[in-house]
């Protein structure tokens, strides 16, 4: 199944709002770290419901936000969630970004980069569209060190890129981005029951759930265009 078909189905089932709610636990901390100033342009790769752009518009007064998603249904939903004329949403792939060279101030991507079919080309495109000093904030839950997320691959019908922290840094550098930061952001909001409540429907051991959410959480890698 294609990425578009997979996420068109998710959007039709209303899962975009569910993803927004779950991702917000750590996304809000990563977004708060972005050096975004009023009037700047932000590109959101894998925008889903468009929640990140709506948040940046509200809190940072960004001048223009463009959310790109492979799913036309996700794009349609995102458009319906806002009437702000400074925010736009379009369908497309990560390998062909619809911007001129050096015209984007910041790129954001949450729980989407690992769906890129050609990650090297995607990073090269991000580097191309970023202005000097522009940033790429890449946040993922699915990565090598977070072993309890690996089973997600069995739950979707598209290939996911399972990279470790070092590979993210190497790929950013190979694309010409300076790695300014790499950090894991724990999810401290999801409720973890007491040990007596395990096993649950989703977890055999409390230790595994703690490892997933509190120990590893979300991997944030920040690249800066020279």
N, C-alpha and C. Protein backbone atom coordinates (compact mmCIF):
# COMPACT_ATOMS: atom_id res chain seq x y z
N UNK A 1 0.84 -1.19 0.00
CA UNK A 1 0.00 0.00 0.00
C UNK A 1 0.88 1.25 0.00
N UNK A 2 0.45 2.29 -0.69
CA UNK A 2 1.20 3.53 -0.73
C UNK A 2 0.99 4.32 0.55
N UNK A 3 1.89 5.27 0.80
CA UNK A 3 1.74 6.15 1.96
C UNK A 3 0.42 6.92 1.84
N UNK A 4 0.11 7.39 0.62
CA UNK A 4 -1.13 8.14 0.43
C UNK A 4 -2.35 7.30 0.79
N UNK A 5 -2.40 6.07 0.29
CA UNK A 5 -3.56 5.22 0.55
C UNK A 5 -3.69 4.89 2.03
N UNK A 6 -2.55 4.61 2.68
CA UNK A 6 -2.57 4.29 4.11
C UNK A 6 -3.17 5.44 4.92
N UNK A 7 -2.69 6.65 4.66
CA UNK A 7 -3.11 7.77 5.48
C UNK A 7 -4.42 8.40 5.01
N UNK A 8 -4.80 8.17 3.77
CA UNK A 8 -6.16 8.53 3.36
C UNK A 8 -7.16 7.74 4.20
N UNK A 9 -6.87 6.46 4.42
CA UNK A 9 -7.76 5.63 5.22
C UNK A 9 -7.79 6.10 6.67
N UNK A 10 -6.62 6.46 7.20
CA UNK A 10 -6.56 6.97 8.57
C UNK A 10 -7.37 8.24 8.72
N UNK A 11 -7.23 9.15 7.76
CA UNK A 11 -7.95 10.42 7.82
C UNK A 11 -9.46 10.19 7.76
N UNK A 12 -9.89 9.25 6.91
CA UNK A 12 -11.31 8.96 6.78
C UNK A 12 -11.89 8.43 8.08
N UNK A 13 -11.05 7.78 8.88
CA UNK A 13 -11.49 7.23 10.16
C UNK A 13 -11.32 8.20 11.32
N UNK A 14 -10.83 9.42 11.02
CA UNK A 14 -10.64 10.41 12.07
C UNK A 14 -9.39 10.23 12.90
N UNK A 15 -8.47 9.41 12.42
CA UNK A 15 -7.27 9.14 13.20
C UNK A 15 -6.31 10.33 13.24
N UNK A 16 -6.49 11.31 12.34
CA UNK A 16 -5.61 12.46 12.37
C UNK A 16 -5.73 13.22 13.68
N UNK A 17 -6.92 13.35 14.21
CA UNK A 17 -7.13 14.01 15.48
C UNK A 17 -6.54 13.20 16.63
N UNK A 18 -6.61 11.88 16.53
CA UNK A 18 -6.02 11.03 17.55
C UNK A 18 -4.50 11.16 17.57
N UNK A 19 -3.89 11.21 16.37
CA UNK A 19 -2.44 11.40 16.30
C UNK A 19 -2.05 12.75 16.87
N UNK A 20 -2.84 13.77 16.57
CA UNK A 20 -2.56 15.10 17.11
C UNK A 20 -2.53 15.07 18.63
N UNK A 21 -3.50 14.43 19.23
CA UNK A 21 -3.58 14.38 20.69
C UNK A 21 -2.39 13.65 21.29
N UNK A 22 -2.01 12.52 20.69
CA UNK A 22 -0.89 11.74 21.24
C UNK A 22 0.45 12.44 21.01
N UNK A 23 0.64 12.99 19.83
CA UNK A 23 1.93 13.60 19.51
C UNK A 23 2.16 14.89 20.28
N UNK A 24 1.07 15.55 20.67
CA UNK A 24 1.20 16.85 21.32
C UNK A 24 1.99 16.77 22.62
N UNK A 25 1.98 15.63 23.29
CA UNK A 25 2.69 15.48 24.56
C UNK A 25 4.15 15.90 24.44
N UNK A 26 4.80 15.50 23.38
CA UNK A 26 6.21 15.84 23.19
C UNK A 26 6.41 16.90 22.11
N UNK A 27 5.47 16.99 21.18
CA UNK A 27 5.60 17.98 20.10
C UNK A 27 5.64 19.39 20.67
N UNK A 28 4.85 19.67 21.68
CA UNK A 28 4.80 21.03 22.21
C UNK A 28 6.15 21.46 22.79
N UNK A 29 6.90 20.51 23.38
CA UNK A 29 8.22 20.86 23.89
C UNK A 29 9.19 21.11 22.75
N UNK A 30 9.14 20.27 21.72
CA UNK A 30 10.03 20.48 20.57
C UNK A 30 9.70 21.78 19.86
N UNK A 31 8.43 22.08 19.69
CA UNK A 31 8.02 23.32 19.04
C UNK A 31 8.50 24.54 19.82
N UNK A 32 8.47 24.43 21.13
CA UNK A 32 8.90 25.55 21.97
C UNK A 32 10.38 25.85 21.81
N UNK A 33 11.16 24.88 21.36
CA UNK A 33 12.60 25.07 21.17
C UNK A 33 12.93 25.72 19.82
N UNK A 34 11.98 25.76 18.90
CA UNK A 34 12.26 26.30 17.58
C UNK A 34 12.49 27.81 17.67
N UNK A 35 13.55 28.30 17.04
CA UNK A 35 13.86 29.74 17.08
C UNK A 35 13.05 30.52 16.05
N UNK A 36 11.73 30.40 16.15
CA UNK A 36 10.84 31.01 15.17
C UNK A 36 10.51 32.43 15.59
N UNK A 37 10.59 33.35 14.64
CA UNK A 37 10.24 34.74 14.89
C UNK A 37 9.01 35.13 14.09
N UNK A 38 8.35 36.17 14.55
CA UNK A 38 7.13 36.64 13.88
C UNK A 38 7.42 36.95 12.41
N UNK A 39 6.49 36.52 11.57
CA UNK A 39 6.59 36.80 10.15
C UNK A 39 7.35 35.77 9.34
N UNK A 40 7.97 34.79 9.99
CA UNK A 40 8.77 33.81 9.26
C UNK A 40 7.90 32.73 8.61
N UNK A 41 8.53 32.01 7.67
CA UNK A 41 7.86 30.95 6.92
C UNK A 41 8.25 29.60 7.47
N UNK A 42 7.24 28.76 7.72
CA UNK A 42 7.48 27.42 8.25
C UNK A 42 6.82 26.39 7.33
N UNK A 43 7.58 25.36 7.00
CA UNK A 43 7.09 24.22 6.23
C UNK A 43 6.95 23.03 7.15
N UNK A 44 5.78 22.41 7.16
CA UNK A 44 5.49 21.25 8.00
C UNK A 44 5.37 20.02 7.10
N UNK A 45 6.34 19.11 7.21
CA UNK A 45 6.35 17.90 6.38
C UNK A 45 5.60 16.78 7.09
N UNK A 46 4.59 16.24 6.42
CA UNK A 46 3.75 15.24 7.06
C UNK A 46 2.81 15.91 8.04
N UNK A 47 2.13 16.93 7.59
CA UNK A 47 1.40 17.83 8.48
C UNK A 47 0.24 17.19 9.20
N UNK A 48 -0.35 16.13 8.64
CA UNK A 48 -1.49 15.49 9.31
C UNK A 48 -2.64 16.47 9.46
N UNK A 49 -3.06 16.70 10.70
CA UNK A 49 -4.18 17.61 10.96
C UNK A 49 -3.77 19.07 10.90
N UNK A 50 -2.47 19.35 10.76
CA UNK A 50 -2.00 20.72 10.71
C UNK A 50 -1.83 21.38 12.06
N UNK A 51 -1.84 20.58 13.13
CA UNK A 51 -1.83 21.15 14.47
C UNK A 51 -0.56 21.96 14.77
N UNK A 52 0.60 21.54 14.23
CA UNK A 52 1.84 22.24 14.54
C UNK A 52 1.82 23.65 13.97
N UNK A 53 1.32 23.81 12.74
CA UNK A 53 1.25 25.14 12.14
C UNK A 53 0.24 26.01 12.87
N UNK A 54 -0.86 25.44 13.27
CA UNK A 54 -1.85 26.23 14.02
C UNK A 54 -1.25 26.72 15.33
N UNK A 55 -0.46 25.85 15.98
CA UNK A 55 0.16 26.24 17.25
C UNK A 55 1.20 27.33 17.03
N UNK A 56 2.02 27.20 15.98
CA UNK A 56 3.04 28.22 15.71
C UNK A 56 2.42 29.54 15.30
N UNK A 57 1.31 29.49 14.61
CA UNK A 57 0.62 30.71 14.24
C UNK A 57 0.09 31.43 15.50
N UNK A 58 -0.43 30.66 16.41
CA UNK A 58 -1.02 31.23 17.62
C UNK A 58 0.03 31.75 18.59
N UNK A 59 1.14 31.02 18.73
CA UNK A 59 2.13 31.36 19.75
C UNK A 59 3.30 32.17 19.23
N UNK A 60 3.62 32.07 17.93
CA UNK A 60 4.80 32.75 17.38
C UNK A 60 4.46 33.74 16.28
N UNK A 61 3.20 33.79 15.87
CA UNK A 61 2.77 34.72 14.83
C UNK A 61 3.57 34.54 13.54
N UNK A 62 3.73 33.28 13.12
CA UNK A 62 4.44 33.03 11.87
C UNK A 62 3.72 33.74 10.73
N UNK A 63 4.50 34.15 9.73
CA UNK A 63 3.92 34.89 8.62
C UNK A 63 3.26 34.01 7.59
N UNK A 64 3.80 32.79 7.43
CA UNK A 64 3.27 31.86 6.45
C UNK A 64 3.59 30.45 6.90
N UNK A 65 2.59 29.59 6.84
CA UNK A 65 2.79 28.19 7.17
C UNK A 65 2.24 27.32 6.06
N UNK A 66 3.03 26.36 5.61
CA UNK A 66 2.60 25.43 4.56
C UNK A 66 2.74 24.01 5.10
N UNK A 67 1.64 23.30 5.10
CA UNK A 67 1.65 21.91 5.53
C UNK A 67 1.56 20.99 4.33
N UNK A 68 2.55 20.11 4.17
CA UNK A 68 2.58 19.18 3.04
C UNK A 68 2.36 17.77 3.56
N UNK A 69 1.51 17.03 2.88
CA UNK A 69 1.23 15.65 3.27
C UNK A 69 0.97 14.81 2.03
N UNK A 70 1.39 13.55 2.10
CA UNK A 70 1.16 12.66 0.96
C UNK A 70 -0.31 12.31 0.81
N UNK A 71 -1.07 12.45 1.89
CA UNK A 71 -2.47 12.07 1.90
C UNK A 71 -3.37 13.25 1.55
N UNK A 72 -4.11 13.12 0.47
CA UNK A 72 -5.05 14.18 0.08
C UNK A 72 -6.17 14.31 1.11
N UNK A 73 -6.53 13.21 1.76
CA UNK A 73 -7.58 13.26 2.78
C UNK A 73 -7.09 14.00 4.02
N UNK A 74 -5.83 13.78 4.39
CA UNK A 74 -5.26 14.53 5.52
C UNK A 74 -5.26 16.02 5.20
N UNK A 75 -4.84 16.37 4.00
CA UNK A 75 -4.80 17.77 3.58
C UNK A 75 -6.19 18.38 3.63
N UNK A 76 -7.16 17.66 3.14
CA UNK A 76 -8.55 18.16 3.15
C UNK A 76 -9.01 18.40 4.59
N UNK A 77 -8.71 17.47 5.49
CA UNK A 77 -9.09 17.64 6.89
C UNK A 77 -8.39 18.84 7.50
N UNK A 78 -7.07 18.96 7.25
CA UNK A 78 -6.31 20.06 7.84
C UNK A 78 -6.87 21.41 7.41
N UNK A 79 -7.25 21.52 6.16
CA UNK A 79 -7.85 22.77 5.67
C UNK A 79 -9.15 23.09 6.41
N UNK A 80 -9.90 22.05 6.75
CA UNK A 80 -11.20 22.27 7.39
C UNK A 80 -11.07 22.68 8.86
N UNK A 81 -9.87 22.51 9.43
CA UNK A 81 -9.69 22.80 10.85
C UNK A 81 -9.29 24.25 11.12
N UNK A 82 -9.09 25.05 10.08
CA UNK A 82 -8.70 26.43 10.27
C UNK A 82 -9.21 27.29 9.11
N UNK A 83 -9.48 28.54 9.42
CA UNK A 83 -9.82 29.49 8.37
C UNK A 83 -8.78 30.59 8.28
N UNK A 84 -7.60 30.35 8.85
CA UNK A 84 -6.51 31.32 8.84
C UNK A 84 -5.91 31.37 7.44
N UNK A 85 -5.95 32.52 6.77
CA UNK A 85 -5.45 32.60 5.39
C UNK A 85 -3.93 32.49 5.27
N UNK A 86 -3.21 32.61 6.39
CA UNK A 86 -1.75 32.49 6.34
C UNK A 86 -1.29 31.04 6.34
N UNK A 87 -2.20 30.11 6.58
CA UNK A 87 -1.86 28.68 6.61
C UNK A 87 -2.43 28.00 5.38
N UNK A 88 -1.56 27.28 4.68
CA UNK A 88 -1.99 26.55 3.51
C UNK A 88 -1.58 25.09 3.59
N UNK A 89 -2.34 24.22 2.96
CA UNK A 89 -2.07 22.79 3.02
C UNK A 89 -2.17 22.20 1.62
N UNK A 90 -1.21 21.35 1.30
CA UNK A 90 -1.19 20.77 -0.04
C UNK A 90 -0.67 19.35 -0.01
N UNK A 91 -1.07 18.59 -1.01
CA UNK A 91 -0.64 17.21 -1.15
C UNK A 91 0.62 17.15 -2.00
N UNK A 92 1.55 16.30 -1.60
CA UNK A 92 2.79 16.16 -2.36
C UNK A 92 3.72 15.20 -1.67
N UNK A 93 4.89 15.00 -2.25
CA UNK A 93 5.85 14.09 -1.65
C UNK A 93 7.06 14.87 -1.14
N UNK A 94 7.81 14.22 -0.26
CA UNK A 94 8.93 14.88 0.41
C UNK A 94 10.11 15.10 -0.51
N UNK A 95 10.12 14.44 -1.65
CA UNK A 95 11.28 14.52 -2.55
C UNK A 95 11.21 15.70 -3.52
N UNK A 96 10.07 16.39 -3.54
CA UNK A 96 9.90 17.53 -4.46
C UNK A 96 9.18 18.64 -3.71
N UNK A 97 9.93 19.46 -2.99
CA UNK A 97 9.32 20.50 -2.17
C UNK A 97 9.01 21.73 -3.02
N UNK A 98 7.81 22.26 -2.93
CA UNK A 98 7.36 23.34 -3.82
C UNK A 98 7.81 24.72 -3.36
N UNK A 99 9.11 24.89 -3.20
CA UNK A 99 9.68 26.17 -2.78
C UNK A 99 10.95 26.45 -3.59
N UNK A 100 11.21 27.73 -3.78
CA UNK A 100 12.46 28.13 -4.41
C UNK A 100 13.60 27.98 -3.40
N UNK A 101 14.81 27.96 -3.92
CA UNK A 101 15.99 27.81 -3.06
C UNK A 101 16.04 28.93 -2.02
N UNK A 102 16.33 28.55 -0.78
CA UNK A 102 16.57 29.52 0.28
C UNK A 102 15.41 30.41 0.64
N UNK A 103 14.19 29.89 0.57
CA UNK A 103 13.01 30.73 0.83
C UNK A 103 12.22 30.32 2.07
N UNK A 104 12.67 29.28 2.77
CA UNK A 104 11.96 28.80 3.96
C UNK A 104 12.82 29.06 5.19
N UNK A 105 12.19 29.58 6.23
CA UNK A 105 12.93 29.87 7.47
C UNK A 105 13.11 28.64 8.34
N UNK A 106 12.08 27.81 8.43
CA UNK A 106 12.15 26.63 9.28
C UNK A 106 11.34 25.49 8.68
N UNK A 107 11.82 24.28 8.86
CA UNK A 107 11.08 23.08 8.48
C UNK A 107 10.83 22.26 9.74
N UNK A 108 9.61 21.79 9.87
CA UNK A 108 9.20 20.97 11.01
C UNK A 108 8.66 19.65 10.48
N UNK A 109 8.96 18.56 11.19
CA UNK A 109 8.37 17.27 10.83
C UNK A 109 8.25 16.42 12.10
N UNK A 110 7.03 15.98 12.38
CA UNK A 110 6.76 15.17 13.56
C UNK A 110 6.15 13.84 13.15
N UNK A 111 6.82 12.77 13.47
CA UNK A 111 6.32 11.43 13.20
C UNK A 111 6.01 11.21 11.73
N UNK A 112 6.90 11.70 10.86
CA UNK A 112 6.65 11.57 9.43
C UNK A 112 7.91 11.27 8.63
N UNK A 113 9.08 11.71 9.10
CA UNK A 113 10.28 11.58 8.28
C UNK A 113 10.58 10.13 7.93
N UNK A 114 10.28 9.21 8.82
CA UNK A 114 10.62 7.80 8.55
C UNK A 114 9.75 7.18 7.47
N UNK A 115 8.75 7.91 6.97
CA UNK A 115 7.97 7.44 5.84
C UNK A 115 8.57 7.88 4.50
N UNK A 116 9.60 8.70 4.53
CA UNK A 116 10.22 9.16 3.29
C UNK A 116 10.77 7.96 2.52
N UNK A 117 10.41 7.85 1.26
CA UNK A 117 10.88 6.73 0.44
C UNK A 117 12.34 6.91 0.03
N UNK A 118 12.79 8.16 0.01
CA UNK A 118 14.17 8.48 -0.35
C UNK A 118 14.68 9.54 0.63
N UNK A 119 15.10 9.11 1.83
CA UNK A 119 15.47 10.08 2.87
C UNK A 119 16.59 11.03 2.47
N UNK A 120 17.58 10.54 1.72
CA UNK A 120 18.69 11.39 1.32
C UNK A 120 18.21 12.54 0.43
N UNK A 121 17.32 12.22 -0.51
CA UNK A 121 16.77 13.26 -1.38
C UNK A 121 15.90 14.22 -0.59
N UNK A 122 15.14 13.70 0.35
CA UNK A 122 14.31 14.56 1.20
C UNK A 122 15.17 15.56 1.97
N UNK A 123 16.27 15.08 2.56
CA UNK A 123 17.15 15.98 3.31
C UNK A 123 17.82 16.99 2.38
N UNK A 124 18.19 16.56 1.19
CA UNK A 124 18.79 17.48 0.22
C UNK A 124 17.79 18.57 -0.17
N UNK A 125 16.53 18.20 -0.32
CA UNK A 125 15.49 19.17 -0.63
C UNK A 125 15.28 20.15 0.53
N UNK A 126 15.30 19.63 1.74
CA UNK A 126 15.16 20.51 2.91
C UNK A 126 16.31 21.50 2.95
N UNK A 127 17.52 20.99 2.73
CA UNK A 127 18.69 21.88 2.71
C UNK A 127 18.55 22.93 1.60
N UNK A 128 18.03 22.53 0.46
CA UNK A 128 17.89 23.45 -0.67
C UNK A 128 16.94 24.60 -0.34
N UNK A 129 15.81 24.30 0.28
CA UNK A 129 14.79 25.34 0.47
C UNK A 129 15.06 26.20 1.70
N UNK A 130 15.90 25.74 2.63
CA UNK A 130 16.17 26.53 3.83
C UNK A 130 17.07 27.72 3.52
N UNK A 131 16.76 28.83 4.12
CA UNK A 131 17.64 30.00 4.04
C UNK A 131 18.85 29.74 4.93
N UNK A 132 19.96 30.47 4.76
CA UNK A 132 21.10 30.35 5.68
C UNK A 132 20.66 30.64 7.11
N UNK A 133 20.99 29.74 8.00
CA UNK A 133 20.58 29.87 9.39
C UNK A 133 19.23 29.25 9.69
N UNK A 134 18.54 28.77 8.65
CA UNK A 134 17.25 28.13 8.85
C UNK A 134 17.41 26.77 9.50
N UNK A 135 16.35 26.30 10.14
CA UNK A 135 16.44 25.06 10.91
C UNK A 135 15.48 23.99 10.41
N UNK A 136 15.89 22.74 10.63
CA UNK A 136 15.01 21.59 10.42
C UNK A 136 14.87 20.86 11.74
N UNK A 137 13.66 20.86 12.29
CA UNK A 137 13.35 20.16 13.52
C UNK A 137 12.65 18.86 13.15
N UNK A 138 13.34 17.75 13.37
CA UNK A 138 12.85 16.43 12.98
C UNK A 138 12.59 15.61 14.24
N UNK A 139 11.33 15.30 14.50
CA UNK A 139 10.94 14.57 15.70
C UNK A 139 10.33 13.22 15.31
N UNK A 140 10.85 12.15 15.90
CA UNK A 140 10.36 10.80 15.58
C UNK A 140 10.27 9.97 16.85
N UNK A 141 9.26 9.11 16.92
CA UNK A 141 9.17 8.13 17.99
C UNK A 141 9.73 6.78 17.58
N UNK A 142 9.68 6.51 16.29
CA UNK A 142 10.12 5.22 15.73
C UNK A 142 11.59 5.33 15.37
N UNK A 143 12.46 4.83 16.26
CA UNK A 143 13.89 4.85 15.98
C UNK A 143 14.54 3.66 16.69
N UNK A 144 15.77 3.34 16.29
CA UNK A 144 16.40 2.08 16.65
C UNK A 144 16.50 1.87 18.16
N UNK A 145 16.91 2.89 18.90
CA UNK A 145 17.13 2.72 20.33
C UNK A 145 15.83 2.47 21.10
N UNK A 146 14.72 2.96 20.58
CA UNK A 146 13.43 2.78 21.23
C UNK A 146 12.81 1.46 20.77
N UNK A 147 13.26 0.38 21.35
CA UNK A 147 12.94 -0.96 20.85
C UNK A 147 11.44 -1.26 20.86
N UNK A 148 10.72 -0.69 21.80
CA UNK A 148 9.30 -1.03 21.92
C UNK A 148 8.43 -0.31 20.90
N UNK A 149 9.02 0.52 20.05
CA UNK A 149 8.27 1.12 18.94
C UNK A 149 8.44 0.31 17.66
N UNK A 150 9.35 -0.63 17.64
CA UNK A 150 9.65 -1.35 16.40
C UNK A 150 8.45 -2.13 15.86
N UNK A 151 7.58 -2.53 16.76
CA UNK A 151 6.41 -3.32 16.33
C UNK A 151 5.44 -2.51 15.49
N UNK A 152 5.60 -1.18 15.49
CA UNK A 152 4.71 -0.35 14.68
C UNK A 152 4.80 -0.71 13.21
N UNK A 153 5.97 -1.16 12.77
CA UNK A 153 6.11 -1.52 11.36
C UNK A 153 5.11 -2.60 10.97
N UNK A 154 4.78 -3.48 11.91
CA UNK A 154 3.83 -4.55 11.61
C UNK A 154 2.40 -4.04 11.53
N UNK A 155 2.17 -2.81 11.97
CA UNK A 155 0.81 -2.29 12.03
C UNK A 155 0.46 -1.37 10.85
N UNK A 156 1.45 -1.09 10.00
CA UNK A 156 1.20 -0.27 8.82
C UNK A 156 1.69 -1.02 7.59
N UNK A 157 1.12 -0.68 6.44
CA UNK A 157 1.43 -1.41 5.21
C UNK A 157 2.42 -0.69 4.32
N UNK A 158 3.15 0.29 4.89
CA UNK A 158 4.19 0.98 4.13
C UNK A 158 5.50 0.84 4.88
N UNK A 159 6.59 0.87 4.12
CA UNK A 159 7.92 0.70 4.73
C UNK A 159 8.31 1.93 5.52
N UNK A 160 8.87 1.70 6.70
CA UNK A 160 9.33 2.78 7.58
C UNK A 160 10.84 2.68 7.74
N UNK A 161 11.51 3.83 7.77
CA UNK A 161 12.97 3.88 7.92
C UNK A 161 13.33 3.79 9.40
N UNK A 162 13.94 2.69 9.82
CA UNK A 162 14.32 2.51 11.23
C UNK A 162 15.78 2.89 11.39
N UNK A 163 16.03 4.13 11.76
CA UNK A 163 17.38 4.65 11.93
C UNK A 163 17.70 4.81 13.41
N UNK A 164 19.01 4.76 13.72
CA UNK A 164 19.43 5.08 15.08
C UNK A 164 19.86 6.54 15.13
N UNK A 165 20.20 6.99 16.33
CA UNK A 165 20.53 8.40 16.52
C UNK A 165 21.71 8.84 15.65
N UNK A 166 22.73 8.00 15.60
CA UNK A 166 23.92 8.35 14.84
C UNK A 166 23.61 8.46 13.34
N UNK A 167 22.75 7.58 12.85
CA UNK A 167 22.43 7.64 11.42
C UNK A 167 21.70 8.93 11.08
N UNK A 168 20.84 9.39 11.97
CA UNK A 168 20.20 10.69 11.73
C UNK A 168 21.24 11.79 11.64
N UNK A 169 22.19 11.79 12.56
CA UNK A 169 23.22 12.84 12.53
C UNK A 169 24.05 12.75 11.25
N UNK A 170 24.44 11.53 10.87
CA UNK A 170 25.24 11.36 9.67
C UNK A 170 24.48 11.81 8.43
N UNK A 171 23.20 11.48 8.34
CA UNK A 171 22.40 11.84 7.17
C UNK A 171 22.20 13.35 7.08
N UNK A 172 22.00 13.98 8.22
CA UNK A 172 21.86 15.44 8.23
C UNK A 172 23.15 16.09 7.71
N UNK A 173 24.27 15.63 8.23
CA UNK A 173 25.55 16.20 7.83
C UNK A 173 25.83 15.95 6.35
N UNK A 174 25.50 14.76 5.87
CA UNK A 174 25.73 14.44 4.46
C UNK A 174 24.92 15.35 3.54
N UNK A 175 23.78 15.83 4.04
CA UNK A 175 22.94 16.73 3.25
C UNK A 175 23.38 18.18 3.36
N UNK A 176 24.40 18.44 4.19
CA UNK A 176 24.90 19.80 4.32
C UNK A 176 24.30 20.58 5.47
N UNK A 177 23.66 19.88 6.41
CA UNK A 177 23.08 20.52 7.58
C UNK A 177 24.00 20.32 8.79
N UNK A 178 24.22 21.38 9.54
CA UNK A 178 24.94 21.25 10.81
C UNK A 178 23.97 20.68 11.85
N UNK A 179 24.42 19.69 12.62
CA UNK A 179 23.59 19.13 13.67
C UNK A 179 23.78 19.99 14.93
N UNK A 180 22.77 20.78 15.24
CA UNK A 180 22.86 21.70 16.37
C UNK A 180 22.42 21.07 17.67
N UNK A 181 21.57 20.03 17.58
CA UNK A 181 21.01 19.43 18.79
C UNK A 181 20.47 18.06 18.45
N UNK A 182 20.62 17.15 19.40
CA UNK A 182 19.90 15.88 19.34
C UNK A 182 19.56 15.47 20.76
N UNK A 183 18.30 15.17 20.98
CA UNK A 183 17.83 14.95 22.34
C UNK A 183 16.64 14.01 22.30
N UNK A 184 16.39 13.31 23.39
CA UNK A 184 15.18 12.53 23.53
C UNK A 184 14.27 13.25 24.52
N UNK A 185 13.02 13.42 24.12
CA UNK A 185 12.04 14.13 24.94
C UNK A 185 11.07 13.11 25.52
N UNK A 186 11.08 12.90 26.83
CA UNK A 186 10.18 11.91 27.42
C UNK A 186 8.73 12.37 27.37
N UNK A 187 7.85 11.42 27.24
CA UNK A 187 6.41 11.68 27.33
C UNK A 187 6.01 11.50 28.78
N UNK A 188 5.81 12.61 29.48
CA UNK A 188 5.48 12.57 30.90
C UNK A 188 3.98 12.68 31.15
N UNK A 189 3.20 12.78 30.08
CA UNK A 189 1.76 12.96 30.25
C UNK A 189 0.97 11.68 30.11
N UNK A 190 1.49 10.73 29.33
CA UNK A 190 0.74 9.48 29.20
C UNK A 190 0.75 8.75 30.53
N UNK A 191 -0.38 8.26 30.92
CA UNK A 191 -0.50 7.60 32.22
C UNK A 191 0.07 6.19 32.17
N UNK A 192 0.94 5.89 33.10
CA UNK A 192 1.52 4.55 33.21
C UNK A 192 0.97 3.92 34.48
N UNK A 193 0.16 2.87 34.37
CA UNK A 193 -0.46 2.25 35.55
C UNK A 193 0.58 1.63 36.49
N UNK A 194 0.15 1.27 37.65
CA UNK A 194 1.02 0.59 38.60
C UNK A 194 1.36 -0.80 38.09
N UNK A 195 2.40 -1.39 38.65
CA UNK A 195 2.86 -2.71 38.21
C UNK A 195 1.76 -3.76 38.35
N UNK A 196 0.88 -3.57 39.32
CA UNK A 196 -0.17 -4.56 39.56
C UNK A 196 -1.19 -4.62 38.43
N UNK A 197 -1.23 -3.58 37.61
CA UNK A 197 -2.20 -3.52 36.51
C UNK A 197 -1.74 -4.26 35.26
N UNK A 198 -0.50 -4.72 35.26
CA UNK A 198 0.05 -5.38 34.08
C UNK A 198 -0.08 -6.90 34.22
N UNK A 199 -0.21 -7.59 33.07
CA UNK A 199 -0.21 -7.08 31.69
C UNK A 199 -1.52 -6.37 31.33
N UNK A 200 -1.41 -5.40 30.41
CA UNK A 200 -2.57 -4.70 29.87
C UNK A 200 -2.82 -5.19 28.45
N UNK A 201 -3.78 -4.60 27.78
CA UNK A 201 -4.06 -4.99 26.39
C UNK A 201 -2.86 -4.73 25.48
N UNK A 202 -2.08 -3.70 25.82
CA UNK A 202 -0.98 -3.29 24.93
C UNK A 202 0.41 -3.61 25.46
N UNK A 203 0.53 -3.83 26.76
CA UNK A 203 1.85 -3.98 27.37
C UNK A 203 1.89 -5.18 28.31
N UNK A 204 2.94 -5.98 28.18
CA UNK A 204 3.13 -7.13 29.07
C UNK A 204 3.72 -6.70 30.41
N UNK A 205 4.64 -5.74 30.35
CA UNK A 205 5.34 -5.33 31.57
C UNK A 205 5.33 -3.81 31.71
N UNK A 206 5.25 -3.35 32.94
CA UNK A 206 5.31 -1.92 33.20
C UNK A 206 6.66 -1.35 32.76
N UNK A 207 7.72 -2.12 32.96
CA UNK A 207 9.07 -1.66 32.60
C UNK A 207 9.16 -1.32 31.11
N UNK A 208 8.46 -2.08 30.27
CA UNK A 208 8.49 -1.82 28.84
C UNK A 208 7.79 -0.50 28.51
N UNK A 209 6.70 -0.23 29.17
CA UNK A 209 5.97 1.01 28.93
C UNK A 209 6.78 2.21 29.42
N UNK A 210 7.43 2.06 30.55
CA UNK A 210 8.31 3.12 31.06
C UNK A 210 9.44 3.38 30.08
N UNK A 211 10.03 2.31 29.56
CA UNK A 211 11.13 2.46 28.60
C UNK A 211 10.67 3.22 27.36
N UNK A 212 9.49 2.87 26.86
CA UNK A 212 8.97 3.51 25.65
C UNK A 212 8.70 5.00 25.86
N UNK A 213 7.98 5.34 26.92
CA UNK A 213 7.51 6.71 27.07
C UNK A 213 8.42 7.59 27.91
N UNK A 214 8.94 7.07 29.00
CA UNK A 214 9.73 7.92 29.89
C UNK A 214 11.22 7.92 29.54
N UNK A 215 11.74 6.76 29.14
CA UNK A 215 13.17 6.68 28.85
C UNK A 215 13.49 7.26 27.47
N UNK A 216 12.76 6.82 26.42
CA UNK A 216 13.10 7.23 25.07
C UNK A 216 12.16 8.30 24.52
N UNK A 217 10.88 8.14 24.67
CA UNK A 217 9.96 9.18 24.20
C UNK A 217 10.14 9.50 22.73
N UNK A 218 10.42 10.76 22.44
CA UNK A 218 10.57 11.25 21.07
C UNK A 218 12.02 11.68 20.82
N UNK A 219 12.58 11.23 19.72
CA UNK A 219 13.93 11.64 19.33
C UNK A 219 13.83 12.92 18.49
N UNK A 220 14.50 13.97 18.96
CA UNK A 220 14.53 15.24 18.23
C UNK A 220 15.93 15.47 17.70
N UNK A 221 16.05 15.65 16.40
CA UNK A 221 17.32 16.01 15.76
C UNK A 221 17.13 17.36 15.06
N UNK A 222 18.01 18.28 15.34
CA UNK A 222 17.90 19.64 14.80
C UNK A 222 19.06 19.92 13.86
N UNK A 223 18.74 20.25 12.63
CA UNK A 223 19.74 20.63 11.64
C UNK A 223 19.65 22.12 11.32
N UNK A 224 20.80 22.72 11.05
CA UNK A 224 20.84 24.15 10.71
C UNK A 224 21.54 24.30 9.37
N UNK A 225 20.94 25.07 8.48
CA UNK A 225 21.55 25.32 7.18
C UNK A 225 22.66 26.37 7.31
N UNK A 226 23.86 26.12 6.79
CA UNK A 226 24.96 27.07 6.91
C UNK A 226 24.72 28.32 6.02
